[in-house]
Amino acid sequence: MNESLLEKLQQTLNREMPITIPMGIKARSWDGVRLSMEMPLEPNRNHQYSAFAGSLNALCTATGWGTVLLLLESQGLTGNIVIRRSTIRYHRPVRTPLFIATSLPVAGEALEYFYELHRFKGRTKVDVSVVIADDEGPYVTFGGSYVVQE
């Protein structure tokens, strides 16, 4: 089932955010609360041979957006998802050939409020955190506030 959700997400990203195609952004895994998406370094590198900050931001933004889409899907809900605001922190250069952004689980109360608002008002909002990290710690930490309207 998760494979079909990931395929649906990938098709949606390719159609609705076509920049994800040349960037090589791909949906990798979904466990019901965390989405992981990958991106290769080569088409997204800068003059320092590390990942371009804008590409990292795009990957994190898309990972948060995809998380919201899959959370809605898990409840049989739909809506137009947009990012309202975000913050990003670059802790160290990303130089690995392929790197992964993973969303962190939305806290239980916040998630229930997200679903409740959607069901009763037809619009809702949720904050999603995303991290790009390795065994040494985070490369990038990101927080995005997403809104959804029917």
N, C-alpha and C. Protein backbone atom coordinates (compact mmCIF):
# COMPACT_ATOMS: atom_id res chain seq x y z
N MET A 1 0.83 -1.21 0.00
CA MET A 1 0.00 0.00 0.00
C MET A 1 0.87 1.27 0.00
N ASN A 2 1.93 1.28 0.82
CA ASN A 2 2.80 2.45 0.85
C ASN A 2 3.47 2.70 -0.49
N GLU A 3 3.77 1.62 -1.23
CA GLU A 3 4.37 1.79 -2.56
C GLU A 3 3.43 2.53 -3.49
N SER A 4 2.15 2.21 -3.44
CA SER A 4 1.19 2.91 -4.31
C SER A 4 1.03 4.37 -3.87
N LEU A 5 1.08 4.62 -2.58
CA LEU A 5 1.02 6.01 -2.09
C LEU A 5 2.25 6.80 -2.54
N LEU A 6 3.41 6.16 -2.46
CA LEU A 6 4.64 6.83 -2.90
C LEU A 6 4.61 7.11 -4.40
N GLU A 7 4.11 6.16 -5.17
CA GLU A 7 4.00 6.35 -6.62
C GLU A 7 3.03 7.49 -6.94
N LYS A 8 1.92 7.52 -6.22
CA LYS A 8 0.94 8.60 -6.42
C LYS A 8 1.56 9.96 -6.05
N LEU A 9 2.31 9.99 -4.94
CA LEU A 9 2.99 11.22 -4.54
C LEU A 9 3.98 11.64 -5.61
N GLN A 10 4.79 10.70 -6.11
CA GLN A 10 5.79 11.02 -7.13
C GLN A 10 5.13 11.59 -8.38
N GLN A 11 4.05 10.98 -8.82
CA GLN A 11 3.33 11.47 -10.00
C GLN A 11 2.78 12.88 -9.75
N THR A 12 2.28 13.12 -8.54
CA THR A 12 1.74 14.44 -8.20
C THR A 12 2.85 15.48 -8.19
N LEU A 13 3.99 15.15 -7.60
CA LEU A 13 5.12 16.08 -7.59
C LEU A 13 5.57 16.40 -9.01
N ASN A 14 5.72 15.37 -9.84
CA ASN A 14 6.17 15.57 -11.22
C ASN A 14 5.20 16.46 -12.00
N ARG A 15 3.90 16.30 -11.75
CA ARG A 15 2.89 17.07 -12.46
C ARG A 15 2.74 18.49 -11.90
N GLU A 16 2.68 18.60 -10.57
CA GLU A 16 2.37 19.88 -9.93
C GLU A 16 3.60 20.73 -9.63
N MET A 17 4.75 20.10 -9.50
CA MET A 17 6.01 20.80 -9.22
C MET A 17 7.08 20.25 -10.17
N PRO A 18 6.99 20.58 -11.45
CA PRO A 18 7.87 19.96 -12.44
C PRO A 18 9.36 20.21 -12.20
N ILE A 19 9.72 21.19 -11.40
CA ILE A 19 11.13 21.43 -11.10
C ILE A 19 11.74 20.23 -10.38
N THR A 20 10.90 19.42 -9.73
CA THR A 20 11.42 18.25 -9.01
C THR A 20 12.02 17.21 -9.95
N ILE A 21 11.64 17.23 -11.22
CA ILE A 21 12.16 16.24 -12.18
C ILE A 21 13.65 16.48 -12.47
N PRO A 22 14.05 17.67 -12.96
CA PRO A 22 15.49 17.86 -13.20
C PRO A 22 16.33 17.88 -11.92
N MET A 23 15.70 18.19 -10.79
CA MET A 23 16.43 18.16 -9.52
C MET A 23 16.65 16.72 -9.05
N GLY A 24 15.88 15.79 -9.58
CA GLY A 24 16.02 14.39 -9.20
C GLY A 24 15.38 14.04 -7.87
N ILE A 25 14.42 14.83 -7.43
CA ILE A 25 13.74 14.57 -6.15
C ILE A 25 12.82 13.37 -6.33
N LYS A 26 12.98 12.39 -5.42
CA LYS A 26 12.19 11.16 -5.49
C LYS A 26 11.66 10.79 -4.12
N ALA A 27 10.39 10.39 -4.08
CA ALA A 27 9.79 9.87 -2.85
C ALA A 27 10.43 8.51 -2.56
N ARG A 28 10.91 8.33 -1.35
CA ARG A 28 11.67 7.12 -1.00
C ARG A 28 10.91 6.18 -0.07
N SER A 29 10.34 6.71 1.03
CA SER A 29 9.62 5.85 1.96
C SER A 29 8.59 6.66 2.75
N TRP A 30 7.57 5.95 3.19
CA TRP A 30 6.50 6.52 4.00
C TRP A 30 6.08 5.46 5.01
N ASP A 31 6.17 5.77 6.30
CA ASP A 31 5.80 4.79 7.33
C ASP A 31 4.49 5.15 8.03
N GLY A 32 3.75 6.07 7.46
CA GLY A 32 2.49 6.50 8.05
C GLY A 32 2.60 7.79 8.84
N VAL A 33 3.83 8.16 9.22
CA VAL A 33 4.05 9.42 9.95
C VAL A 33 5.25 10.19 9.43
N ARG A 34 6.22 9.49 8.82
CA ARG A 34 7.43 10.13 8.32
C ARG A 34 7.60 9.82 6.84
N LEU A 35 7.87 10.87 6.08
CA LEU A 35 8.16 10.74 4.65
C LEU A 35 9.64 11.00 4.45
N SER A 36 10.28 10.16 3.66
CA SER A 36 11.66 10.39 3.26
C SER A 36 11.71 10.58 1.75
N MET A 37 12.45 11.61 1.34
CA MET A 37 12.63 11.88 -0.08
C MET A 37 14.12 12.08 -0.33
N GLU A 38 14.58 11.64 -1.49
CA GLU A 38 16.00 11.72 -1.81
C GLU A 38 16.25 12.68 -2.96
N MET A 39 17.51 13.12 -3.03
CA MET A 39 17.92 14.02 -4.11
C MET A 39 19.42 13.82 -4.35
N PRO A 40 19.84 13.74 -5.62
CA PRO A 40 21.27 13.59 -5.90
C PRO A 40 22.00 14.93 -5.84
N LEU A 41 23.27 14.85 -5.51
CA LEU A 41 24.08 16.06 -5.42
C LEU A 41 24.36 16.69 -6.79
N GLU A 42 24.74 15.88 -7.77
CA GLU A 42 25.29 16.41 -9.02
C GLU A 42 24.44 17.51 -9.68
N PRO A 43 23.14 17.32 -9.93
CA PRO A 43 22.40 18.42 -10.57
C PRO A 43 22.06 19.56 -9.61
N ASN A 44 22.41 19.41 -8.35
CA ASN A 44 22.04 20.39 -7.32
C ASN A 44 23.25 20.97 -6.60
N ARG A 45 24.44 20.83 -7.18
CA ARG A 45 25.64 21.30 -6.50
C ARG A 45 25.92 22.76 -6.84
N ASN A 46 26.72 23.36 -6.00
CA ASN A 46 27.15 24.74 -6.23
C ASN A 46 28.63 24.76 -6.61
N HIS A 47 29.21 25.93 -6.65
CA HIS A 47 30.62 26.10 -7.03
C HIS A 47 31.59 25.53 -6.00
N GLN A 48 31.10 25.20 -4.81
CA GLN A 48 31.92 24.60 -3.74
C GLN A 48 31.82 23.07 -3.76
N TYR A 49 31.12 22.54 -4.75
CA TYR A 49 30.86 21.10 -4.86
C TYR A 49 30.12 20.55 -3.64
N SER A 50 29.26 21.38 -3.11
CA SER A 50 28.32 20.96 -2.06
C SER A 50 26.92 21.30 -2.55
N ALA A 51 25.92 20.81 -1.87
CA ALA A 51 24.54 21.04 -2.30
C ALA A 51 24.20 22.53 -2.23
N PHE A 52 23.56 23.01 -3.28
CA PHE A 52 23.09 24.39 -3.36
C PHE A 52 22.00 24.61 -2.32
N ALA A 53 22.09 25.69 -1.56
CA ALA A 53 21.13 25.96 -0.48
C ALA A 53 19.69 25.99 -0.99
N GLY A 54 19.47 26.57 -2.16
CA GLY A 54 18.12 26.62 -2.71
C GLY A 54 17.56 25.25 -3.03
N SER A 55 18.43 24.34 -3.48
CA SER A 55 17.99 22.97 -3.75
C SER A 55 17.64 22.25 -2.45
N LEU A 56 18.43 22.47 -1.41
CA LEU A 56 18.13 21.86 -0.11
C LEU A 56 16.80 22.38 0.42
N ASN A 57 16.58 23.68 0.26
CA ASN A 57 15.31 24.27 0.68
C ASN A 57 14.15 23.67 -0.11
N ALA A 58 14.33 23.52 -1.41
CA ALA A 58 13.26 22.94 -2.25
C ALA A 58 12.97 21.50 -1.83
N LEU A 59 14.01 20.71 -1.55
CA LEU A 59 13.81 19.33 -1.12
C LEU A 59 13.04 19.29 0.20
N CYS A 60 13.43 20.11 1.15
CA CYS A 60 12.74 20.14 2.44
C CYS A 60 11.29 20.61 2.30
N THR A 61 11.07 21.64 1.49
CA THR A 61 9.72 22.15 1.26
C THR A 61 8.84 21.07 0.63
N ALA A 62 9.38 20.37 -0.38
CA ALA A 62 8.62 19.31 -1.04
C ALA A 62 8.36 18.13 -0.10
N THR A 63 9.32 17.83 0.77
CA THR A 63 9.13 16.74 1.73
C THR A 63 8.03 17.08 2.72
N GLY A 64 8.01 18.30 3.20
CA GLY A 64 6.93 18.74 4.09
C GLY A 64 5.59 18.72 3.38
N TRP A 65 5.56 19.22 2.15
CA TRP A 65 4.33 19.25 1.35
C TRP A 65 3.83 17.83 1.12
N GLY A 66 4.74 16.93 0.77
CA GLY A 66 4.36 15.53 0.55
C GLY A 66 3.85 14.87 1.81
N THR A 67 4.43 15.22 2.95
CA THR A 67 3.96 14.69 4.22
C THR A 67 2.51 15.09 4.46
N VAL A 68 2.20 16.35 4.23
CA VAL A 68 0.83 16.84 4.41
C VAL A 68 -0.11 16.10 3.46
N LEU A 69 0.29 15.95 2.21
CA LEU A 69 -0.54 15.23 1.23
C LEU A 69 -0.83 13.81 1.71
N LEU A 70 0.19 13.11 2.18
CA LEU A 70 0.00 11.72 2.62
C LEU A 70 -0.79 11.62 3.92
N LEU A 71 -0.64 12.60 4.80
CA LEU A 71 -1.46 12.62 6.02
C LEU A 71 -2.93 12.79 5.66
N LEU A 72 -3.21 13.69 4.73
CA LEU A 72 -4.60 13.87 4.27
C LEU A 72 -5.12 12.58 3.64
N GLU A 73 -4.31 12.01 2.77
CA GLU A 73 -4.69 10.78 2.06
C GLU A 73 -5.01 9.66 3.05
N SER A 74 -4.26 9.58 4.13
CA SER A 74 -4.48 8.51 5.11
C SER A 74 -5.85 8.59 5.77
N GLN A 75 -6.46 9.77 5.73
CA GLN A 75 -7.78 9.97 6.32
C GLN A 75 -8.87 10.11 5.27
N GLY A 76 -8.52 9.89 4.01
CA GLY A 76 -9.50 10.05 2.94
C GLY A 76 -9.85 11.49 2.68
N LEU A 77 -8.96 12.41 3.01
CA LEU A 77 -9.20 13.85 2.84
C LEU A 77 -8.38 14.37 1.67
N THR A 78 -8.80 15.50 1.13
CA THR A 78 -8.08 16.15 0.04
C THR A 78 -8.04 17.65 0.30
N GLY A 79 -7.29 18.35 -0.52
CA GLY A 79 -7.25 19.80 -0.40
C GLY A 79 -6.06 20.38 -1.13
N ASN A 80 -6.09 21.68 -1.32
CA ASN A 80 -5.00 22.42 -1.95
C ASN A 80 -4.00 22.80 -0.87
N ILE A 81 -2.78 22.28 -0.96
CA ILE A 81 -1.75 22.48 0.05
C ILE A 81 -0.79 23.57 -0.41
N VAL A 82 -0.54 24.54 0.45
CA VAL A 82 0.47 25.56 0.16
C VAL A 82 1.29 25.81 1.42
N ILE A 83 2.52 26.21 1.21
CA ILE A 83 3.35 26.56 2.36
C ILE A 83 3.12 28.03 2.69
N ARG A 84 2.94 28.30 3.96
CA ARG A 84 2.67 29.67 4.42
C ARG A 84 3.96 30.36 4.83
N ARG A 85 4.81 29.64 5.53
CA ARG A 85 6.10 30.20 5.93
C ARG A 85 7.04 29.05 6.27
N SER A 86 8.32 29.36 6.28
CA SER A 86 9.29 28.33 6.63
C SER A 86 10.55 28.97 7.20
N THR A 87 11.29 28.15 7.91
CA THR A 87 12.61 28.52 8.39
C THR A 87 13.55 27.36 8.07
N ILE A 88 14.78 27.69 7.77
CA ILE A 88 15.75 26.65 7.45
C ILE A 88 17.09 27.04 8.07
N ARG A 89 17.80 26.02 8.52
CA ARG A 89 19.13 26.25 9.07
C ARG A 89 20.09 25.26 8.42
N TYR A 90 21.18 25.79 7.91
CA TYR A 90 22.21 24.98 7.26
C TYR A 90 23.34 24.79 8.27
N HIS A 91 23.50 23.57 8.76
CA HIS A 91 24.48 23.30 9.81
C HIS A 91 25.88 23.01 9.26
N ARG A 92 25.94 22.33 8.12
CA ARG A 92 27.22 22.00 7.50
C ARG A 92 26.99 21.64 6.04
N PRO A 93 28.03 21.70 5.21
CA PRO A 93 27.86 21.41 3.78
C PRO A 93 27.46 19.96 3.52
N VAL A 94 26.61 19.79 2.53
CA VAL A 94 26.19 18.45 2.09
C VAL A 94 27.01 18.11 0.86
N ARG A 95 27.82 17.05 0.97
CA ARG A 95 28.67 16.66 -0.16
C ARG A 95 28.48 15.19 -0.55
N THR A 96 27.54 14.52 0.04
CA THR A 96 27.30 13.11 -0.30
C THR A 96 26.61 13.03 -1.66
N PRO A 97 26.88 11.99 -2.42
CA PRO A 97 26.31 11.88 -3.78
C PRO A 97 24.77 11.83 -3.80
N LEU A 98 24.18 11.29 -2.75
CA LEU A 98 22.72 11.20 -2.64
C LEU A 98 22.37 11.47 -1.19
N PHE A 99 21.39 12.33 -0.95
CA PHE A 99 21.02 12.63 0.43
C PHE A 99 19.52 12.56 0.58
N ILE A 100 19.11 12.40 1.83
CA ILE A 100 17.71 12.11 2.14
C ILE A 100 17.18 13.14 3.13
N ALA A 101 16.01 13.67 2.83
CA ALA A 101 15.28 14.54 3.75
C ALA A 101 14.15 13.71 4.34
N THR A 102 13.98 13.80 5.66
CA THR A 102 12.94 13.03 6.34
C THR A 102 12.11 13.96 7.21
N SER A 103 10.80 13.86 7.07
CA SER A 103 9.92 14.64 7.93
C SER A 103 9.84 13.97 9.29
N LEU A 104 9.67 14.78 10.31
CA LEU A 104 9.51 14.26 11.66
C LEU A 104 8.02 14.10 11.95
N PRO A 105 7.64 13.15 12.79
CA PRO A 105 6.22 12.96 13.08
C PRO A 105 5.58 14.22 13.67
N VAL A 106 4.37 14.50 13.24
CA VAL A 106 3.58 15.60 13.82
C VAL A 106 3.01 15.07 15.13
N ALA A 107 3.13 15.86 16.20
CA ALA A 107 2.64 15.44 17.51
C ALA A 107 1.16 15.08 17.46
N GLY A 108 0.77 14.11 18.25
CA GLY A 108 -0.60 13.57 18.26
C GLY A 108 -1.69 14.61 18.36
N GLU A 109 -1.59 15.54 19.32
CA GLU A 109 -2.62 16.57 19.49
C GLU A 109 -2.69 17.49 18.28
N ALA A 110 -1.53 17.88 17.77
CA ALA A 110 -1.49 18.77 16.61
C ALA A 110 -2.08 18.07 15.39
N LEU A 111 -1.82 16.78 15.25
CA LEU A 111 -2.34 16.02 14.12
C LEU A 111 -3.85 15.89 14.20
N GLU A 112 -4.36 15.61 15.37
CA GLU A 112 -5.83 15.52 15.54
C GLU A 112 -6.50 16.86 15.26
N TYR A 113 -5.89 17.95 15.70
CA TYR A 113 -6.42 19.29 15.43
C TYR A 113 -6.42 19.57 13.93
N PHE A 114 -5.35 19.17 13.26
CA PHE A 114 -5.23 19.31 11.80
C PHE A 114 -6.41 18.62 11.10
N TYR A 115 -6.67 17.38 11.46
CA TYR A 115 -7.78 16.63 10.85
C TYR A 115 -9.14 17.24 11.22
N GLU A 116 -9.29 17.60 12.48
CA GLU A 116 -10.56 18.14 12.96
C GLU A 116 -10.93 19.44 12.24
N LEU A 117 -9.95 20.35 12.12
CA LEU A 117 -10.21 21.61 11.40
C LEU A 117 -10.64 21.34 9.97
N HIS A 118 -9.97 20.41 9.31
CA HIS A 118 -10.31 20.10 7.92
C HIS A 118 -11.74 19.58 7.81
N ARG A 119 -12.10 18.66 8.68
CA ARG A 119 -13.44 18.05 8.62
C ARG A 119 -14.55 19.07 8.90
N PHE A 120 -14.31 19.99 9.83
CA PHE A 120 -15.37 20.91 10.24
C PHE A 120 -15.36 22.25 9.52
N LYS A 121 -14.20 22.68 9.02
CA LYS A 121 -14.13 24.00 8.38
C LYS A 121 -13.73 23.95 6.92
N GLY A 122 -13.25 22.80 6.45
CA GLY A 122 -12.82 22.70 5.06
C GLY A 122 -11.47 23.34 4.81
N ARG A 123 -10.81 23.75 5.87
CA ARG A 123 -9.45 24.29 5.77
C ARG A 123 -8.72 23.95 7.06
N THR A 124 -7.42 23.90 6.97
CA THR A 124 -6.64 23.52 8.14
C THR A 124 -5.20 23.96 7.98
N LYS A 125 -4.41 23.70 8.99
CA LYS A 125 -2.99 24.06 8.95
C LYS A 125 -2.21 23.08 9.82
N VAL A 126 -0.93 22.93 9.49
CA VAL A 126 -0.06 22.05 10.27
C VAL A 126 1.38 22.47 10.06
N ASP A 127 2.18 22.32 11.11
CA ASP A 127 3.62 22.57 11.03
C ASP A 127 4.33 21.24 10.85
N VAL A 128 5.27 21.20 9.91
CA VAL A 128 6.03 19.98 9.63
C VAL A 128 7.52 20.32 9.71
N SER A 129 8.25 19.50 10.46
CA SER A 129 9.70 19.64 10.56
C SER A 129 10.35 18.59 9.66
N VAL A 130 11.46 18.98 9.05
CA VAL A 130 12.20 18.09 8.14
C VAL A 130 13.67 18.20 8.49
N VAL A 131 14.38 17.09 8.39
CA VAL A 131 15.82 17.09 8.65
C VAL A 131 16.54 16.32 7.55
N ILE A 132 17.70 16.84 7.18
CA ILE A 132 18.65 16.11 6.33
C ILE A 132 19.85 15.86 7.23
N ALA A 133 20.16 14.59 7.47
CA ALA A 133 21.20 14.26 8.45
C ALA A 133 21.95 13.00 8.06
N ASP A 134 23.05 12.77 8.74
CA ASP A 134 23.78 11.51 8.64
C ASP A 134 24.17 11.10 10.06
N ASP A 135 25.05 10.15 10.20
CA ASP A 135 25.44 9.66 11.52
C ASP A 135 26.12 10.72 12.38
N GLU A 136 26.66 11.74 11.76
CA GLU A 136 27.33 12.82 12.50
C GLU A 136 26.37 13.90 12.95
N GLY A 137 25.12 13.85 12.51
CA GLY A 137 24.13 14.84 12.91
C GLY A 137 23.50 15.53 11.72
N PRO A 138 22.78 16.62 11.98
CA PRO A 138 22.05 17.28 10.89
C PRO A 138 22.94 18.11 9.96
N TYR A 139 22.60 18.02 8.69
CA TYR A 139 23.13 18.96 7.70
C TYR A 139 22.21 20.18 7.66
N VAL A 140 20.90 19.88 7.65
CA VAL A 140 19.88 20.91 7.49
C VAL A 140 18.71 20.59 8.41
N THR A 141 18.16 21.62 9.05
CA THR A 141 16.89 21.49 9.76
C THR A 141 15.92 22.52 9.18
N PHE A 142 14.68 22.12 9.03
CA PHE A 142 13.67 22.92 8.33
C PHE A 142 12.36 22.81 9.10
N GLY A 143 11.67 23.92 9.17
CA GLY A 143 10.30 23.93 9.72
C GLY A 143 9.40 24.66 8.75
N GLY A 144 8.32 24.02 8.35
CA GLY A 144 7.38 24.63 7.42
C GLY A 144 5.98 24.62 7.97
N SER A 145 5.26 25.70 7.77
CA SER A 145 3.86 25.81 8.15
C SER A 145 3.03 25.72 6.87
N TYR A 146 2.20 24.70 6.79
CA TYR A 146 1.42 24.41 5.60
C TYR A 146 -0.06 24.63 5.88
N VAL A 147 -0.76 25.19 4.90
CA VAL A 147 -2.20 25.36 5.01
C VAL A 147 -2.87 24.55 3.90
N VAL A 148 -4.10 24.11 4.21
CA VAL A 148 -4.86 23.29 3.27
C VAL A 148 -6.26 23.87 3.18
N GLN A 149 -6.75 24.00 1.95
CA GLN A 149 -8.14 24.42 1.71
C GLN A 149 -8.76 23.49 0.70
N GLU A 150 -10.04 23.18 0.88
CA GLU A 150 -10.74 22.35 -0.09
C GLU A 150 -10.92 23.08 -1.40
